[in-house]
Amino acid sequence: MRIGVFVCHCGGNISEVVNINEVVSFAEKQSDVVLVKDDPHMCSEVGQKLVIDSIKEHKLDKVVIAACSPQFHGATFMSTVASVGLSPYVLEMANIREQCSWPHHDFPEEATEKAKDLVNIAIAKARLDEPLWKKTMPIGRRVLVIGGGIAGIQAALDLGDAGFKVYLVEKEPTIGGKMSKLSRTFPTEDCAACILSPKMADV
């Protein structure tokens, strides 16, 4: 196993609070980690090239990025890793911006310690990651709808109209659910049975 760790400064958003050198030194001491590098902007073209070149040169099979939220740049780094033939699912991200430097801006030592913890967790997760590959599979045109209340009935009708074979399952002796016990519906004061009965008949 050959894990590479890449620590981003985020243009100062991280490095002005978190001690990047400490995080790098910490990561270098972890088992299975063969390379640790940092960059001012890991998401930039230059930063991504650093990741790509490092994967090739050091034959990395797992990648950890310590940077911003995966919600923000997770897809970017997954594409970067995939571009050199690795499964995008052997990538782990440690969010040391939103979870360290931003909320603990006035406590740099504590933010740095937390960043180390998050990097350590990401490394531990990376050790367990297995390569996964997307593939296209045919899907059946059959759907199971559980619950024969008004929502289940409407879902079954809509799916049937869309060309699916629908199996509607209800635990009670009859369909209709709670709506069948109402006299009127809110806020229109419509007759519940007037709405429900035609749908029950269609099913």
Protein backbone atom coordinates (compact mmCIF):
# COMPACT_ATOMS: atom_id res chain seq x y z
CA MET A 1 0.00 0.00 0.00
CA ARG A 2 1.33 3.40 -1.00
CA ILE A 3 -0.57 6.41 0.32
CA GLY A 4 0.14 9.97 -0.77
CA VAL A 5 -1.01 12.89 1.38
CA PHE A 6 -1.46 16.37 -0.09
CA VAL A 7 -2.02 19.36 2.19
CA CYS A 8 -3.53 22.57 0.81
CA HIS A 9 -2.87 26.08 2.15
CA CYS A 10 -6.10 27.29 0.51
CA GLY A 11 -4.46 30.62 -0.30
CA GLY A 12 -3.97 31.34 3.39
CA ASN A 13 -7.47 30.31 4.48
CA ILE A 14 -5.91 27.25 6.09
CA SER A 15 -2.23 28.12 6.45
CA GLU A 16 -2.84 31.39 8.34
CA VAL A 17 -4.30 29.35 11.19
CA VAL A 18 -3.17 25.73 10.84
CA ASN A 19 0.57 25.05 11.00
CA ILE A 20 1.01 23.29 7.67
CA ASN A 21 4.58 22.16 8.43
CA GLU A 22 3.39 20.38 11.57
CA VAL A 23 0.61 18.64 9.67
CA VAL A 24 3.06 17.57 6.95
CA SER A 25 5.57 16.24 9.51
CA PHE A 26 2.80 14.37 11.31
CA ALA A 27 1.51 12.77 8.10
CA GLU A 28 5.02 11.68 7.08
CA LYS A 29 5.27 9.54 10.23
CA GLN A 30 2.11 7.53 9.56
CA SER A 31 2.42 3.97 8.34
CA ASP A 32 1.75 3.29 4.65
CA VAL A 33 2.33 6.97 3.80
CA VAL A 34 5.14 7.20 1.24
CA LEU A 35 4.76 10.83 0.19
CA VAL A 36 3.49 14.08 1.71
CA LYS A 37 3.37 17.37 -0.19
CA ASP A 38 1.77 20.75 0.35
CA ASP A 39 0.68 23.41 -2.11
CA PRO A 40 -0.80 26.93 -1.86
CA HIS A 41 -3.80 25.97 -4.03
CA MET A 42 -4.22 22.21 -4.41
CA CYS A 43 -7.40 22.66 -6.47
CA SER A 44 -5.60 24.81 -9.05
CA GLU A 45 -4.24 23.41 -12.30
CA VAL A 46 -0.73 23.46 -10.80
CA GLY A 47 -1.93 21.71 -7.63
CA GLN A 48 -3.77 19.02 -9.56
CA LYS A 49 -0.71 18.47 -11.74
CA LEU A 50 1.31 17.97 -8.55
CA VAL A 51 -1.12 15.22 -7.50
CA ILE A 52 -1.08 13.59 -10.94
CA ASP A 53 2.72 13.66 -11.27
CA SER A 54 3.15 12.34 -7.72
CA ILE A 55 0.79 9.41 -8.33
CA LYS A 56 2.75 8.46 -11.43
CA GLU A 57 6.23 9.00 -10.01
CA HIS A 58 5.68 7.35 -6.63
CA LYS A 59 3.19 4.70 -7.79
CA LEU A 60 0.59 5.81 -5.24
CA ASP A 61 -2.46 3.60 -4.87
CA LYS A 62 -4.34 5.70 -2.29
CA VAL A 63 -4.63 9.49 -2.02
CA VAL A 64 -5.50 11.77 0.90
CA ILE A 65 -6.21 15.46 0.28
CA ALA A 66 -6.26 17.74 3.33
CA ALA A 67 -8.01 20.86 2.11
CA CYS A 68 -11.50 22.34 2.02
CA SER A 69 -14.83 20.55 2.18
CA PRO A 70 -15.34 17.59 -0.17
CA GLN A 71 -18.69 19.23 -0.92
CA PHE A 72 -16.72 22.02 -2.57
CA HIS A 73 -13.90 20.23 -4.42
CA GLY A 74 -14.50 16.51 -3.89
CA ALA A 75 -15.55 15.99 -7.51
CA THR A 76 -12.48 17.93 -8.70
CA PHE A 77 -10.07 15.65 -6.87
CA MET A 78 -11.97 12.50 -7.81
CA SER A 79 -11.55 13.49 -11.46
CA THR A 80 -7.87 14.24 -10.88
CA VAL A 81 -7.25 10.80 -9.38
CA ALA A 82 -9.30 9.07 -12.09
CA SER A 83 -7.37 10.86 -14.85
CA VAL A 84 -4.29 8.73 -14.05
CA GLY A 85 -6.14 5.43 -13.87
CA LEU A 86 -6.87 5.19 -10.14
CA SER A 87 -10.36 4.51 -8.92
CA PRO A 88 -11.84 7.79 -7.66
CA TYR A 89 -12.97 5.84 -4.60
CA VAL A 90 -9.44 5.43 -3.23
CA LEU A 91 -9.46 9.17 -2.49
CA GLU A 92 -10.14 10.47 1.01
CA MET A 93 -10.47 14.12 1.97
CA ALA A 94 -9.75 15.73 5.33
CA ASN A 95 -11.71 18.96 5.65
CA ILE A 96 -9.20 21.12 7.52
CA ARG A 97 -10.69 24.43 6.38
CA GLU A 98 -14.37 24.31 7.40
CA GLN A 99 -13.61 22.01 10.35
CA CYS A 100 -10.34 23.52 11.59
CA SER A 101 -9.08 26.88 10.37
CA TRP A 102 -12.43 28.64 10.05
CA PRO A 103 -14.21 27.59 13.27
CA HIS A 104 -11.00 27.71 15.38
CA HIS A 105 -9.47 30.83 13.84
CA ASP A 106 -8.47 32.26 17.24
CA PHE A 107 -6.94 28.98 18.45
CA PRO A 108 -4.19 28.01 15.98
CA GLU A 109 -2.59 25.34 18.18
CA GLU A 110 -5.88 23.57 18.74
CA ALA A 111 -6.79 23.95 15.06
CA THR A 112 -3.47 22.36 14.10
CA GLU A 113 -4.00 19.42 16.47
CA LYS A 114 -7.49 18.89 15.09
CA ALA A 115 -6.12 19.03 11.54
CA LYS A 116 -3.66 16.26 12.43
CA ASP A 117 -6.51 14.17 13.82
CA LEU A 118 -8.58 14.64 10.66
CA VAL A 119 -5.61 13.76 8.45
CA ASN A 120 -4.97 10.66 10.57
CA ILE A 121 -8.62 9.62 10.21
CA ALA A 122 -8.48 10.14 6.43
CA ILE A 123 -5.31 8.02 6.22
CA ALA A 124 -6.99 5.26 8.26
CA LYS A 125 -10.00 5.35 5.94
CA ALA A 126 -7.74 5.27 2.87
CA ARG A 127 -6.10 2.07 4.13
CA LEU A 128 -9.51 0.38 4.01
CA ASP A 129 -10.59 1.79 0.64
CA GLU A 130 -11.04 -0.65 -2.21
CA PRO A 131 -11.04 0.42 -5.86
CA LEU A 132 -14.55 0.67 -7.25
CA TRP A 133 -15.51 1.24 -10.86
CA LYS A 134 -18.73 2.58 -12.29
CA LYS A 135 -20.53 0.42 -14.79
CA THR A 136 -23.81 0.58 -16.61
CA MET A 137 -26.35 -2.11 -15.85
CA PRO A 138 -29.78 -2.72 -17.30
CA ILE A 139 -32.63 -1.98 -14.94
CA GLY A 140 -35.90 -3.82 -14.74
CA ARG A 141 -39.16 -2.10 -15.52
CA ARG A 142 -40.78 -3.37 -12.33
CA VAL A 143 -41.33 -1.34 -9.15
CA LEU A 144 -42.44 -2.31 -5.64
CA VAL A 145 -44.48 0.34 -3.82
CA ILE A 146 -44.86 -0.35 -0.11
CA GLY A 147 -47.94 1.16 1.49
CA GLY A 148 -51.40 1.53 -0.02
CA GLY A 149 -52.27 4.93 1.39
CA ILE A 150 -52.97 7.88 -0.87
CA ALA A 151 -49.24 8.49 -1.44
CA GLY A 152 -48.60 4.85 -2.35
CA ILE A 153 -51.65 4.74 -4.61
CA GLN A 154 -50.61 7.92 -6.44
CA ALA A 155 -47.02 6.68 -6.77
CA ALA A 156 -48.27 3.39 -8.21
CA LEU A 157 -50.51 5.19 -10.71
CA ASP A 158 -47.75 7.58 -11.80
CA LEU A 159 -45.25 4.75 -12.21
CA GLY A 160 -47.79 2.71 -14.15
CA ASP A 161 -48.41 5.67 -16.46
CA ALA A 162 -44.63 5.88 -16.99
CA GLY A 163 -44.59 2.30 -18.28
CA PHE A 164 -43.50 0.41 -15.18
CA LYS A 165 -45.08 -2.80 -13.93
CA VAL A 166 -46.07 -1.93 -10.36
CA TYR A 167 -46.54 -4.15 -7.33
CA LEU A 168 -48.46 -2.33 -4.59
CA VAL A 169 -48.15 -3.92 -1.14
CA GLU A 170 -50.36 -3.02 1.82
CA LYS A 171 -50.41 -4.70 5.25
CA GLU A 172 -54.08 -3.86 5.92
CA PRO A 173 -56.97 -5.81 4.32
CA THR A 174 -57.78 -2.87 2.01
CA ILE A 175 -55.93 0.02 0.44
CA GLY A 176 -56.74 3.67 1.16
CA GLY A 177 -54.82 4.19 4.38
CA LYS A 178 -55.76 6.97 6.78
CA MET A 179 -57.40 9.04 4.08
CA SER A 180 -60.17 6.46 3.77
CA LYS A 181 -61.14 7.25 7.36
CA LEU A 182 -61.52 11.00 6.74
CA SER A 183 -64.70 12.76 5.72
CA ARG A 184 -63.02 15.88 4.32
CA THR A 185 -59.49 17.04 3.50
CA PHE A 186 -57.75 20.23 4.56
CA PRO A 187 -57.51 23.01 3.39
CA THR A 188 -59.97 22.64 0.50
CA GLU A 189 -62.64 20.76 2.51
CA ASP A 190 -62.99 18.36 -0.41
CA CYS A 191 -64.72 15.05 0.14
CA ALA A 192 -61.96 12.53 0.94
CA ALA A 193 -63.81 9.61 -0.61
CA CYS A 194 -64.42 11.65 -3.78
CA ILE A 195 -60.66 12.02 -4.23
CA LEU A 196 -59.64 8.57 -3.05
CA SER A 197 -62.28 6.29 -4.59
CA PRO A 198 -61.41 6.93 -8.28
CA LYS A 199 -57.73 6.37 -7.55
CA MET A 200 -58.50 3.14 -5.67
CA ALA A 201 -60.56 1.99 -8.65
CA ASP A 202 -57.73 2.82 -11.08
CA VAL A 203 -55.24 0.78 -9.07
